[in-house]
Amino acid sequence: MIAIGGGDSPYPFSFGERISYLVDYQAGFSWPDAGKVTFSVDSGTYQGKSCFRFSGIGNSMAWYDWFYPVRDQYYSWADLKTLRPYCFQRIINEGSHHYKQTAWFHFDEGYANIETEEKGIKTKTRVKISANATDPLAGIYTCRNIDWKSKKPGFSIVLPLLLEDSVYASTVRYEGKVNLTVNGKTVPCYKIRPALIEGSLFKGGTEMSVFLRETDLIPIRVEAPIVVGKVVARLKR
């Protein structure tokens, strides 16, 4: 196993990292702490190869479940050097919507195989992908790995994101360095604006705001407009 931890890591993250957020829902009124999300970085293996195993686990709080219960799980197995995903999986339980989807990336052949299981029925599709395609979870760590300090406001990159059974060109814009006030303290951050993919939750043509703490590039606040209102994720620990 390649040691990527502490001072050995060439990335701003390492094995064992755990980042937790509290999620507020705002829609003319505010429901603070309606949910929680935890992102983790672990060592893993994929077809005998050492890799990153990224995970994102999101739950609504018990008091919010009566309105819209959420139990979502996201996993990505990614290359230790390139961060390109080998496999991406999401297990969705939102209200009455339940399904499991797995995507296997075959960059040498230029496609991804996708299997979706819903209501006991499995469907399989194949989607063309580019050499720099990624998934939403590996894409988060790809963005954290960019040297934002050297970029000027207005810089942007395009991430081809595989989601559902399509590839979306998601532009990530850099707005510059800003100071964010957290618990009465000023925290220097890099502000980036990833474009949102239209779906049941997000509006097309909108962007979320992500504030990356300058010292370690950990996102300490995320604001995203949704179909009704917006959600705000605040770093807990």
Foldseek 3Di string as FASTA:
>chain_A
DDAADDPNNPFLDGAPDKWKWFKWFDFPDIDGRQKMKMWHWHWDDDPRHIWIKIKMWMFGDPVNVVPKTWTKIKIFTAHRPPLATQKIKMFTDIHPFTKIKMWGDDAVVQKIWMWIADPNDIDIDIGGHHNQEHAPRSVLRVVLRDPCVPDDFQDKDWHQHQDDHHTDTKIKGWHAWDWDADPNDTFIWTKIWIFDDDDQWADHPHTKIFTQGPVRGDTQKIWGQTPRGIMIIGTDD
